[in-house]
C-alpha atoms as a PDB file:
ATOM      1  CA  MET A   1      10.434   4.627   2.702  1.00  0.00           C
ATOM      2  CA  LEU A   2      12.024   1.746   0.438  1.00  0.00           C
ATOM      3  CA  ASN A   3      15.171   0.690  -1.009  1.00  0.00           C
ATOM      4  CA  ASP A   4      13.550   0.484  -4.775  1.00  0.00           C
ATOM      5  CA  ALA A   5      10.992   1.910  -5.614  1.00  0.00           C
ATOM      6  CA  ALA A   6      10.947   2.082  -9.444  1.00  0.00           C
ATOM      7  CA  ASN A   7       8.684  -1.388 -10.478  1.00  0.00           C
ATOM      8  CA  LEU A   8       5.458   0.410  -8.021  1.00  0.00           C
ATOM      9  CA  THR A   9       3.115   3.315  -8.836  1.00  0.00           C
ATOM     10  CA  VAL A  10       0.253   5.171  -6.664  1.00  0.00           C
ATOM     11  CA  THR A  11      -2.437   2.534  -6.833  1.00  0.00           C
ATOM     12  CA  TYR A  12      -1.195  -0.117  -6.283  1.00  0.00           C
ATOM     13  CA  ALA A  13      -1.846  -2.856  -3.503  1.00  0.00           C
ATOM     14  CA  ILE A  14       1.228  -3.831  -2.068  1.00  0.00           C
ATOM     15  CA  THR A  15       1.912  -6.052   1.537  1.00  0.00           C
ATOM     16  CA  ILE A  16       4.940  -5.425   3.733  1.00  0.00           C
ATOM     17  CA  ALA A  17       6.029  -8.333   6.013  1.00  0.00           C
ATOM     18  CA  GLY A  18       5.442  -7.681   9.375  1.00  0.00           C
ATOM     19  CA  VAL A  19       2.722  -5.269   8.854  1.00  0.00           C
ATOM     20  CA  THR A  20      -1.013  -5.674   9.478  1.00  0.00           C
ATOM     21  CA  GLY A  21      -3.495  -5.660   6.276  1.00  0.00           C
ATOM     22  CA  THR A  22      -2.736  -4.228   3.097  1.00  0.00           C
ATOM     23  CA  LYS A  23      -1.546  -0.901   2.231  1.00  0.00           C
ATOM     24  CA  ILE A  24      -2.298   1.125  -1.564  1.00  0.00           C
ATOM     25  CA  ILE A  25      -0.097   3.133  -2.527  1.00  0.00           C
ATOM     26  CA  MET A  26      -1.116   6.629  -2.047  1.00  0.00           C
ATOM     27  CA  ALA A  27       1.843   8.623  -3.140  1.00  0.00           C
ATOM     28  CA  LEU A  28       5.083   8.194  -4.251  1.00  0.00           C
ATOM     29  CA  GLU A  29       7.965  10.722  -3.875  1.00  0.00           C
ATOM     30  CA  GLY A  30      11.291   8.929  -4.638  1.00  0.00           C
ATOM     31  CA  ASN A  31      11.926   5.521  -2.275  1.00  0.00           C
ATOM     32  CA  ALA A  32       9.313   7.294   0.098  1.00  0.00           C
ATOM     33  CA  ALA A  33       5.690   5.657   0.023  1.00  0.00           C
ATOM     34  CA  PHE A  34       2.869   7.037   1.037  1.00  0.00           C
ATOM     35  CA  VAL A  35       0.013   4.579   2.064  1.00  0.00           C
ATOM     36  CA  ASP A  36      -3.542   5.536   2.696  1.00  0.00           C
ATOM     37  CA  THR A  37      -4.102   3.328   6.391  1.00  0.00           C
ATOM     38  CA  ALA A  38      -1.244   3.626   9.063  1.00  0.00           C
ATOM     39  CA  CYS A  39       0.766   1.071   9.637  1.00  0.00           C
ATOM     40  CA  ASP A  40       1.390  -0.852  13.080  1.00  0.00           C
ATOM     41  CA  VAL A  41       4.834  -1.089  13.866  1.00  0.00           C
ATOM     42  CA  SER A  42       8.043   0.311  12.328  1.00  0.00           C
ATOM     43  CA  VAL A  43       9.928  -2.227  10.064  1.00  0.00           C
ATOM     44  CA  ALA A  44      13.230  -2.525   8.777  1.00  0.00           C
ATOM     45  CA  GLY A  45      14.292  -4.924   5.502  1.00  0.00           C
ATOM     46  CA  GLY A  46      10.747  -6.064   5.133  1.00  0.00           C
ATOM     47  CA  ALA A  47       9.884  -8.137   2.035  1.00  0.00           C
ATOM     48  CA  VAL A  48       7.379  -5.486   0.225  1.00  0.00           C
ATOM     49  CA  ALA A  49       4.979  -7.637  -2.499  1.00  0.00           C
ATOM     50  CA  HIS A  50       2.056  -7.316  -5.109  1.00  0.00           C
ATOM     51  CA  ALA A  51      -1.351  -7.568  -3.598  1.00  0.00           C
ATOM     52  CA  ALA A  52      -4.695  -8.279  -5.227  1.00  0.00           C
ATOM     53  CA  HIS A  53      -7.914  -5.458  -4.503  1.00  0.00           C
ATOM     54  CA  VAL A  54     -10.225  -6.159  -2.224  1.00  0.00           C
ATOM     55  CA  PHE A  55     -13.162  -4.233  -3.910  1.00  0.00           C
ATOM     56  CA  LYS A  56     -16.504  -4.412  -2.036  1.00  0.00           C
ATOM     57  CA  ASN A  57     -20.313  -4.008  -2.826  1.00  0.00           C
ATOM     58  CA  MET A  58     -21.179  -0.696  -2.680  1.00  0.00           C
ATOM     59  CA  PRO A  59     -24.816   0.798  -1.990  1.00  0.00           C
ATOM     60  CA  PRO A  60     -26.001   2.968  -4.905  1.00  0.00           C
ATOM     61  CA  LEU A  61     -25.829   6.635  -4.666  1.00  0.00           C
ATOM     62  CA  ALA A  62     -28.201   9.020  -4.182  1.00  0.00           C
ATOM     63  CA  ALA A  63     -29.566  10.779  -7.555  1.00  0.00           C
END
């Protein structure tokens, strides 16, 4: 749950103060943000910041 989700959108990479790792926003409903992986802790009042996406090399897809 966010205080204000006005500057966020689906697919943004974010960090949350006190939570391990980068999260990708998969859905927004009002001020609720649903992320791609579970958070390891619950945080009240943690700052949310934009994070750079991390791209990984993938093998070619089979035909």
